[in-house]
C-alpha atoms as a PDB file:
ATOM      1  CA  UNK A   1       0.034  -0.024  -0.011  1.00  0.00           C
ATOM      2  CA  UNK A   2       2.759   2.452   1.049  1.00  0.00           C
ATOM      3  CA  UNK A   3       4.739   1.430  -2.077  1.00  0.00           C
ATOM      4  CA  UNK A   4       1.778   2.142  -4.387  1.00  0.00           C
ATOM      5  CA  UNK A   5       1.673   5.762  -2.744  1.00  0.00           C
ATOM      6  CA  UNK A   6       5.226   6.453  -3.238  1.00  0.00           C
ATOM      7  CA  UNK A   7       5.029   5.189  -6.876  1.00  0.00           C
ATOM      8  CA  UNK A   8       1.980   7.376  -7.232  1.00  0.00           C
ATOM      9  CA  UNK A   9       3.703  10.500  -5.968  1.00  0.00           C
ATOM     10  CA  UNK A  10       6.787   9.741  -8.130  1.00  0.00           C
ATOM     11  CA  UNK A  11       4.779   9.355 -11.019  1.00  0.00           C
ATOM     12  CA  UNK A  12       2.861  12.792 -10.552  1.00  0.00           C
ATOM     13  CA  UNK A  13       6.051  14.712  -9.905  1.00  0.00           C
ATOM     14  CA  UNK A  14       7.709  13.342 -12.911  1.00  0.00           C
ATOM     15  CA  UNK A  15       4.914  14.265 -15.042  1.00  0.00           C
ATOM     16  CA  UNK A  16       4.740  17.679 -13.603  1.00  0.00           C
ATOM     17  CA  UNK A  17       8.594  18.011 -14.044  1.00  0.00           C
ATOM     18  CA  UNK A  18       8.482  16.995 -17.697  1.00  0.00           C
ATOM     19  CA  UNK A  19       5.601  19.283 -18.619  1.00  0.00           C
ATOM     20  CA  UNK A  20       5.969  22.194 -16.194  1.00  0.00           C
ATOM     21  CA  UNK A  21       8.542  24.015 -18.642  1.00  0.00           C
ATOM     22  CA  UNK A  22       7.871  27.630 -19.398  1.00  0.00           C
ATOM     23  CA  UNK A  23       9.619  28.834 -22.536  1.00  0.00           C
ATOM     24  CA  UNK A  24      11.802  32.011 -21.948  1.00  0.00           C
ATOM     25  CA  UNK A  25      10.148  33.907 -25.011  1.00  0.00           C
ATOM     26  CA  UNK A  26       6.582  33.490 -26.145  1.00  0.00           C
ATOM     27  CA  UNK A  27       5.446  33.670 -29.753  1.00  0.00           C
ATOM     28  CA  UNK A  28       4.585  37.186 -29.156  1.00  0.00           C
ATOM     29  CA  UNK A  29       7.918  38.188 -28.111  1.00  0.00           C
ATOM     30  CA  UNK A  30       9.485  36.501 -31.115  1.00  0.00           C
ATOM     31  CA  UNK A  31       7.235  38.538 -33.361  1.00  0.00           C
ATOM     32  CA  UNK A  32       8.274  41.772 -31.589  1.00  0.00           C
ATOM     33  CA  UNK A  33      11.779  40.917 -31.984  1.00  0.00           C
ATOM     34  CA  UNK A  34      11.612  40.128 -35.633  1.00  0.00           C
ATOM     35  CA  UNK A  35       9.530  43.380 -36.273  1.00  0.00           C
ATOM     36  CA  UNK A  36      12.413  45.352 -34.328  1.00  0.00           C
ATOM     37  CA  UNK A  37      14.980  43.824 -36.311  1.00  0.00           C
ATOM     38  CA  UNK A  38      13.419  44.503 -39.624  1.00  0.00           C
ATOM     39  CA  UNK A  39      12.612  47.971 -38.611  1.00  0.00           C
ATOM     40  CA  UNK A  40      16.433  48.679 -37.687  1.00  0.00           C
ATOM     41  CA  UNK A  41      17.320  47.206 -41.046  1.00  0.00           C
ATOM     42  CA  UNK A  42      15.145  49.404 -42.718  1.00  0.00           C
ATOM     43  CA  UNK A  43      16.573  52.639 -40.928  1.00  0.00           C
ATOM     44  CA  UNK A  44      20.091  51.535 -41.531  1.00  0.00           C
ATOM     45  CA  UNK A  45      19.390  51.263 -45.443  1.00  0.00           C
ATOM     46  CA  UNK A  46      17.605  54.704 -45.476  1.00  0.00           C
ATOM     47  CA  UNK A  47      20.496  56.296 -43.630  1.00  0.00           C
ATOM     48  CA  UNK A  48      22.953  54.746 -46.008  1.00  0.00           C
ATOM     49  CA  UNK A  49      20.958  56.153 -48.958  1.00  0.00           C
ATOM     50  CA  UNK A  50      20.666  59.628 -47.315  1.00  0.00           C
ATOM     51  CA  UNK A  51      24.773  59.685 -46.686  1.00  0.00           C
ATOM     52  CA  UNK A  52      25.243  58.475 -50.072  1.00  0.00           C
ATOM     53  CA  UNK A  53      23.085  61.110 -51.884  1.00  0.00           C
ATOM     54  CA  UNK A  54      23.856  64.010 -49.620  1.00  0.00           C
ATOM     55  CA  UNK A  55      26.927  65.344 -51.564  1.00  0.00           C
ATOM     56  CA  UNK A  56      24.982  65.010 -54.881  1.00  0.00           C
ATOM     57  CA  UNK A  57      22.188  67.215 -53.490  1.00  0.00           C
ATOM     58  CA  UNK A  58      24.543  70.020 -52.695  1.00  0.00           C
ATOM     59  CA  UNK A  59      25.955  69.799 -56.232  1.00  0.00           C
ATOM     60  CA  UNK A  60      22.620  69.536 -57.933  1.00  0.00           C
ATOM     61  CA  UNK A  61      21.657  73.441 -57.996  1.00  0.00           C
ATOM     62  CA  UNK A  62      24.823  75.550 -58.350  1.00  0.00           C
ATOM     63  CA  UNK A  63      24.435  79.380 -57.779  1.00  0.00           C
ATOM     64  CA  UNK A  64      23.240  80.731 -61.055  1.00  0.00           C
ATOM     65  CA  UNK A  65      24.160  84.167 -60.095  1.00  0.00           C
ATOM     66  CA  UNK A  66      27.819  83.387 -60.587  1.00  0.00           C
ATOM     67  CA  UNK A  67      27.059  81.980 -64.271  1.00  0.00           C
ATOM     68  CA  UNK A  68      24.847  84.906 -65.457  1.00  0.00           C
ATOM     69  CA  UNK A  69      26.533  87.334 -67.938  1.00  0.00           C
ATOM     70  CA  UNK A  70      27.397  90.857 -67.148  1.00  0.00           C
ATOM     71  CA  UNK A  71      24.831  93.133 -68.040  1.00  0.00           C
ATOM     72  CA  UNK A  72      26.558  96.036 -70.164  1.00  0.00           C
ATOM     73  CA  UNK A  73      25.840  98.302 -72.899  1.00  0.00           C
ATOM     74  CA  UNK A  74      29.161  98.367 -74.701  1.00  0.00           C
ATOM     75  CA  UNK A  75      27.767  96.905 -77.754  1.00  0.00           C
ATOM     76  CA  UNK A  76      25.585 100.142 -78.269  1.00  0.00           C
ATOM     77  CA  UNK A  77      26.557 103.186 -79.814  1.00  0.00           C
ATOM     78  CA  UNK A  78      27.671 106.088 -77.571  1.00  0.00           C
ATOM     79  CA  UNK A  79      26.248 109.478 -77.248  1.00  0.00           C
ATOM     80  CA  UNK A  80      28.760 112.278 -77.200  1.00  0.00           C
ATOM     81  CA  UNK A  81      27.797 115.411 -75.245  1.00  0.00           C
ATOM     82  CA  UNK A  82      29.365 118.726 -75.414  1.00  0.00           C
ATOM     83  CA  UNK A  83      30.287 118.936 -71.850  1.00  0.00           C
ATOM     84  CA  UNK A  84      33.587 118.866 -69.822  1.00  0.00           C
ATOM     85  CA  UNK A  85      32.369 116.102 -67.382  1.00  0.00           C
ATOM     86  CA  UNK A  86      29.510 113.981 -66.681  1.00  0.00           C
ATOM     87  CA  UNK A  87      28.460 113.092 -63.079  1.00  0.00           C
ATOM     88  CA  UNK A  88      26.321 109.799 -62.554  1.00  0.00           C
ATOM     89  CA  UNK A  89      24.191 110.280 -59.290  1.00  0.00           C
ATOM     90  CA  UNK A  90      21.951 107.490 -57.921  1.00  0.00           C
ATOM     91  CA  UNK A  91      19.402 109.157 -55.575  1.00  0.00           C
ATOM     92  CA  UNK A  92      17.295 105.928 -55.143  1.00  0.00           C
ATOM     93  CA  UNK A  93      17.567 104.383 -51.701  1.00  0.00           C
ATOM     94  CA  UNK A  94      16.754 100.718 -51.420  1.00  0.00           C
ATOM     95  CA  UNK A  95      14.210 100.140 -48.687  1.00  0.00           C
ATOM     96  CA  UNK A  96      15.732  96.570 -48.058  1.00  0.00           C
ATOM     97  CA  UNK A  97      12.232  95.345 -47.162  1.00  0.00           C
ATOM     98  CA  UNK A  98       9.051  93.945 -48.665  1.00  0.00           C
ATOM     99  CA  UNK A  99       7.447  94.559 -51.250  1.00  0.00           C
ATOM    100  CA  UNK A 100      10.820  95.615 -52.691  1.00  0.00           C
ATOM    101  CA  UNK A 101      13.207  93.054 -53.709  1.00  0.00           C
ATOM    102  CA  UNK A 102      15.746  94.997 -55.840  1.00  0.00           C
ATOM    103  CA  UNK A 103      18.415  94.272 -53.375  1.00  0.00           C
ATOM    104  CA  UNK A 104      17.863  90.475 -54.254  1.00  0.00           C
ATOM    105  CA  UNK A 105      18.271  90.580 -57.886  1.00  0.00           C
ATOM    106  CA  UNK A 106      21.599  89.708 -59.446  1.00  0.00           C
ATOM    107  CA  UNK A 107      21.740  93.176 -60.828  1.00  0.00           C
ATOM    108  CA  UNK A 108      19.420  96.044 -59.879  1.00  0.00           C
ATOM    109  CA  UNK A 109      17.867  98.603 -62.244  1.00  0.00           C
ATOM    110  CA  UNK A 110      19.521 101.289 -60.308  1.00  0.00           C
ATOM    111  CA  UNK A 111      22.935  99.620 -60.846  1.00  0.00           C
ATOM    112  CA  UNK A 112      22.048  98.960 -64.448  1.00  0.00           C
ATOM    113  CA  UNK A 113      21.300 102.610 -65.074  1.00  0.00           C
ATOM    114  CA  UNK A 114      24.512 103.560 -63.663  1.00  0.00           C
ATOM    115  CA  UNK A 115      26.353 101.103 -66.080  1.00  0.00           C
ATOM    116  CA  UNK A 116      24.315 102.635 -68.888  1.00  0.00           C
ATOM    117  CA  UNK A 117      25.489 106.099 -68.216  1.00  0.00           C
ATOM    118  CA  UNK A 118      29.062 104.934 -67.935  1.00  0.00           C
ATOM    119  CA  UNK A 119      29.135 102.777 -71.252  1.00  0.00           C
ATOM    120  CA  UNK A 120      26.960 105.314 -73.385  1.00  0.00           C
ATOM    121  CA  UNK A 121      27.655 108.812 -72.282  1.00  0.00           C
ATOM    122  CA  UNK A 122      30.821 110.526 -73.336  1.00  0.00           C
ATOM    123  CA  UNK A 123      32.064 114.011 -72.590  1.00  0.00           C
ATOM    124  CA  UNK A 124      33.777 115.788 -75.482  1.00  0.00           C
ATOM    125  CA  UNK A 125      33.401 119.626 -74.710  1.00  0.00           C
ATOM    126  CA  UNK A 126      35.767 122.062 -73.050  1.00  0.00           C
ATOM    127  CA  UNK A 127      33.023 123.296 -70.479  1.00  0.00           C
ATOM    128  CA  UNK A 128      29.845 122.408 -68.832  1.00  0.00           C
ATOM    129  CA  UNK A 129      28.744 119.722 -66.705  1.00  0.00           C
ATOM    130  CA  UNK A 130      26.093 116.817 -67.260  1.00  0.00           C
ATOM    131  CA  UNK A 131      24.439 115.168 -64.518  1.00  0.00           C
ATOM    132  CA  UNK A 132      22.717 111.562 -64.989  1.00  0.00           C
ATOM    133  CA  UNK A 133      20.535 111.419 -61.891  1.00  0.00           C
ATOM    134  CA  UNK A 134      18.689 108.191 -61.099  1.00  0.00           C
ATOM    135  CA  UNK A 135      15.646 108.708 -59.084  1.00  0.00           C
ATOM    136  CA  UNK A 136      13.965 105.187 -59.290  1.00  0.00           C
ATOM    137  CA  UNK A 137      15.365 101.689 -59.692  1.00  0.00           C
ATOM    138  CA  UNK A 138      12.770  99.466 -57.986  1.00  0.00           C
ATOM    139  CA  UNK A 139      11.807  95.877 -58.139  1.00  0.00           C
ATOM    140  CA  UNK A 140       8.295  95.446 -56.520  1.00  0.00           C
ATOM    141  CA  UNK A 141       6.966  92.070 -55.798  1.00  0.00           C
ATOM    142  CA  UNK A 142       3.255  91.321 -55.658  1.00  0.00           C
ATOM    143  CA  UNK A 143       1.765  88.053 -54.378  1.00  0.00           C
ATOM    144  CA  UNK A 144      -0.819  86.632 -56.642  1.00  0.00           C
ATOM    145  CA  UNK A 145      -3.969  84.620 -55.744  1.00  0.00           C
ATOM    146  CA  UNK A 146      -3.592  80.807 -56.423  1.00  0.00           C
ATOM    147  CA  UNK A 147      -5.911  77.871 -56.489  1.00  0.00           C
ATOM    148  CA  UNK A 148      -6.417  75.860 -53.275  1.00  0.00           C
ATOM    149  CA  UNK A 149      -7.856  72.574 -52.519  1.00  0.00           C
ATOM    150  CA  UNK A 150      -8.230  69.753 -54.899  1.00  0.00           C
ATOM    151  CA  UNK A 151      -7.987  72.194 -57.836  1.00  0.00           C
ATOM    152  CA  UNK A 152      -4.812  73.630 -56.397  1.00  0.00           C
ATOM    153  CA  UNK A 153      -3.060  70.251 -56.135  1.00  0.00           C
ATOM    154  CA  UNK A 154      -3.477  69.465 -59.785  1.00  0.00           C
ATOM    155  CA  UNK A 155      -2.492  72.992 -61.134  1.00  0.00           C
ATOM    156  CA  UNK A 156       0.472  75.147 -61.145  1.00  0.00           C
ATOM    157  CA  UNK A 157      -0.311  78.819 -61.021  1.00  0.00           C
ATOM    158  CA  UNK A 158       1.633  82.083 -61.256  1.00  0.00           C
ATOM    159  CA  UNK A 159       2.003  82.995 -57.907  1.00  0.00           C
ATOM    160  CA  UNK A 160       4.295  86.272 -58.036  1.00  0.00           C
ATOM    161  CA  UNK A 161       4.472  89.313 -60.253  1.00  0.00           C
ATOM    162  CA  UNK A 162       7.591  91.503 -60.244  1.00  0.00           C
ATOM    163  CA  UNK A 163       7.320  95.174 -61.500  1.00  0.00           C
ATOM    164  CA  UNK A 164      10.712  96.718 -62.353  1.00  0.00           C
ATOM    165  CA  UNK A 165      10.940 100.390 -62.972  1.00  0.00           C
ATOM    166  CA  UNK A 166      13.662 102.997 -63.555  1.00  0.00           C
ATOM    167  CA  UNK A 167      13.526 106.777 -63.804  1.00  0.00           C
ATOM    168  CA  UNK A 168      16.245 109.156 -64.761  1.00  0.00           C
ATOM    169  CA  UNK A 169      16.812 112.784 -65.650  1.00  0.00           C
ATOM    170  CA  UNK A 170      19.861 114.031 -67.482  1.00  0.00           C
ATOM    171  CA  UNK A 171      20.653 117.638 -66.565  1.00  0.00           C
ATOM    172  CA  UNK A 172      23.102 119.789 -68.393  1.00  0.00           C
ATOM    173  CA  UNK A 173      24.620 122.977 -66.977  1.00  0.00           C
ATOM    174  CA  UNK A 174      26.554 125.076 -69.514  1.00  0.00           C
ATOM    175  CA  UNK A 175      26.669 128.652 -70.366  1.00  0.00           C
ATOM    176  CA  UNK A 176      24.495 129.808 -67.342  1.00  0.00           C
ATOM    177  CA  UNK A 177      21.624 127.729 -68.683  1.00  0.00           C
ATOM    178  CA  UNK A 178      20.133 124.296 -67.823  1.00  0.00           C
ATOM    179  CA  UNK A 179      18.506 121.707 -70.133  1.00  0.00           C
ATOM    180  CA  UNK A 180      16.822 118.509 -68.874  1.00  0.00           C
ATOM    181  CA  UNK A 181      15.815 115.189 -70.446  1.00  0.00           C
ATOM    182  CA  UNK A 182      13.829 112.746 -68.629  1.00  0.00           C
ATOM    183  CA  UNK A 183      13.180 109.142 -69.179  1.00  0.00           C
ATOM    184  CA  UNK A 184      11.220 106.239 -67.502  1.00  0.00           C
ATOM    185  CA  UNK A 185      10.705 102.636 -68.282  1.00  0.00           C
ATOM    186  CA  UNK A 186       9.042  99.877 -66.515  1.00  0.00           C
ATOM    187  CA  UNK A 187       8.492  96.046 -67.079  1.00  0.00           C
ATOM    188  CA  UNK A 188       6.841  93.217 -65.340  1.00  0.00           C
ATOM    189  CA  UNK A 189       7.017  89.582 -65.277  1.00  0.00           C
ATOM    190  CA  UNK A 190       5.083  86.650 -63.499  1.00  0.00           C
ATOM    191  CA  UNK A 191       6.610  83.614 -61.701  1.00  0.00           C
ATOM    192  CA  UNK A 192       5.014  80.295 -61.277  1.00  0.00           C
ATOM    193  CA  UNK A 193       4.625  78.762 -57.905  1.00  0.00           C
ATOM    194  CA  UNK A 194       7.018  75.850 -58.463  1.00  0.00           C
ATOM    195  CA  UNK A 195       9.966  77.948 -59.632  1.00  0.00           C
ATOM    196  CA  UNK A 196      13.348  77.185 -58.278  1.00  0.00           C
ATOM    197  CA  UNK A 197      15.546  79.853 -56.898  1.00  0.00           C
ATOM    198  CA  UNK A 198      17.804  79.501 -59.891  1.00  0.00           C
ATOM    199  CA  UNK A 199      14.735  80.162 -62.072  1.00  0.00           C
ATOM    200  CA  UNK A 200      13.747  83.068 -59.991  1.00  0.00           C
ATOM    201  CA  UNK A 201      17.179  84.421 -60.564  1.00  0.00           C
ATOM    202  CA  UNK A 202      17.113  84.035 -64.140  1.00  0.00           C
ATOM    203  CA  UNK A 203      13.672  85.702 -64.465  1.00  0.00           C
ATOM    204  CA  UNK A 204      14.946  88.746 -62.489  1.00  0.00           C
ATOM    205  CA  UNK A 205      17.981  88.939 -64.720  1.00  0.00           C
ATOM    206  CA  UNK A 206      16.030  88.888 -67.939  1.00  0.00           C
ATOM    207  CA  UNK A 207      13.327  91.315 -66.413  1.00  0.00           C
ATOM    208  CA  UNK A 208      16.058  93.850 -65.914  1.00  0.00           C
ATOM    209  CA  UNK A 209      17.731  93.321 -69.203  1.00  0.00           C
ATOM    210  CA  UNK A 210      14.226  93.900 -71.086  1.00  0.00           C
ATOM    211  CA  UNK A 211      13.681  96.892 -68.678  1.00  0.00           C
ATOM    212  CA  UNK A 212      17.177  98.416 -69.789  1.00  0.00           C
ATOM    213  CA  UNK A 213      16.447  97.871 -73.561  1.00  0.00           C
ATOM    214  CA  UNK A 214      13.196  99.934 -73.249  1.00  0.00           C
ATOM    215  CA  UNK A 215      15.037 102.585 -71.212  1.00  0.00           C
ATOM    216  CA  UNK A 216      17.751 102.562 -73.801  1.00  0.00           C
ATOM    217  CA  UNK A 217      15.199 103.417 -76.516  1.00  0.00           C
ATOM    218  CA  UNK A 218      13.314 106.036 -74.460  1.00  0.00           C
ATOM    219  CA  UNK A 219      16.475 107.844 -73.169  1.00  0.00           C
ATOM    220  CA  UNK A 220      17.913 108.270 -76.607  1.00  0.00           C
ATOM    221  CA  UNK A 221      14.630 109.740 -77.737  1.00  0.00           C
ATOM    222  CA  UNK A 222      14.614 112.249 -75.015  1.00  0.00           C
ATOM    223  CA  UNK A 223      18.149 113.250 -75.563  1.00  0.00           C
ATOM    224  CA  UNK A 224      17.507 113.686 -79.144  1.00  0.00           C
ATOM    225  CA  UNK A 225      14.219 115.722 -78.366  1.00  0.00           C
ATOM    226  CA  UNK A 226      15.463 117.911 -75.524  1.00  0.00           C
ATOM    227  CA  UNK A 227      19.305 117.994 -75.593  1.00  0.00           C
ATOM    228  CA  UNK A 228      19.887 117.974 -79.411  1.00  0.00           C
ATOM    229  CA  UNK A 229      22.140 121.312 -79.179  1.00  0.00           C
ATOM    230  CA  UNK A 230      24.473 119.494 -76.938  1.00  0.00           C
ATOM    231  CA  UNK A 231      25.028 116.219 -78.969  1.00  0.00           C
ATOM    232  CA  UNK A 232      28.425 115.943 -80.559  1.00  0.00           C
END
């Protein structure tokens, strides 16, 4: 009887010992570990791609302003004036705040007007003074309305308009008399909303270039009209 009890206890203990094993990691833990490993691997791959292409991103869009041609007027015919000297005076003061952006453009209208006078006007007289006075050389930015919502997603609108202007007066003081010729020109151009900084710089350059083409025609006309006696 006693022997049977002992055998019974031993059997139960052995059974319990064989099947009471608890695994250190459950199935759920294994799944989590696999997910963490896969996520870590993905982050490592993304980091590798980022480091690989980072130098290329810096070289993708070089500074366009360094490659734009110099805006000069030496290819145009000069204007000889019967004066001893010519003074170039820029009275326009850049506000350096919105909506003015002439301080951001590759070459401003004011600086272009100065260059025009330097390249075109020639003193050939023995007396008298000519003063080339720039009173305006601005570029104004205007924000335009663009489509929003679903329509905006599938459309590319013109988001900005730039208005460039230049105003100049040419004064001649000679023989106790004063003569004046005035010229003004303006041009505008819109910019699409997805334009890159390089495209914007190119647009600004072309805008001022076309502005000065208009100014050149107008200034020559005004000089021939109001300062004809002083043309050499």
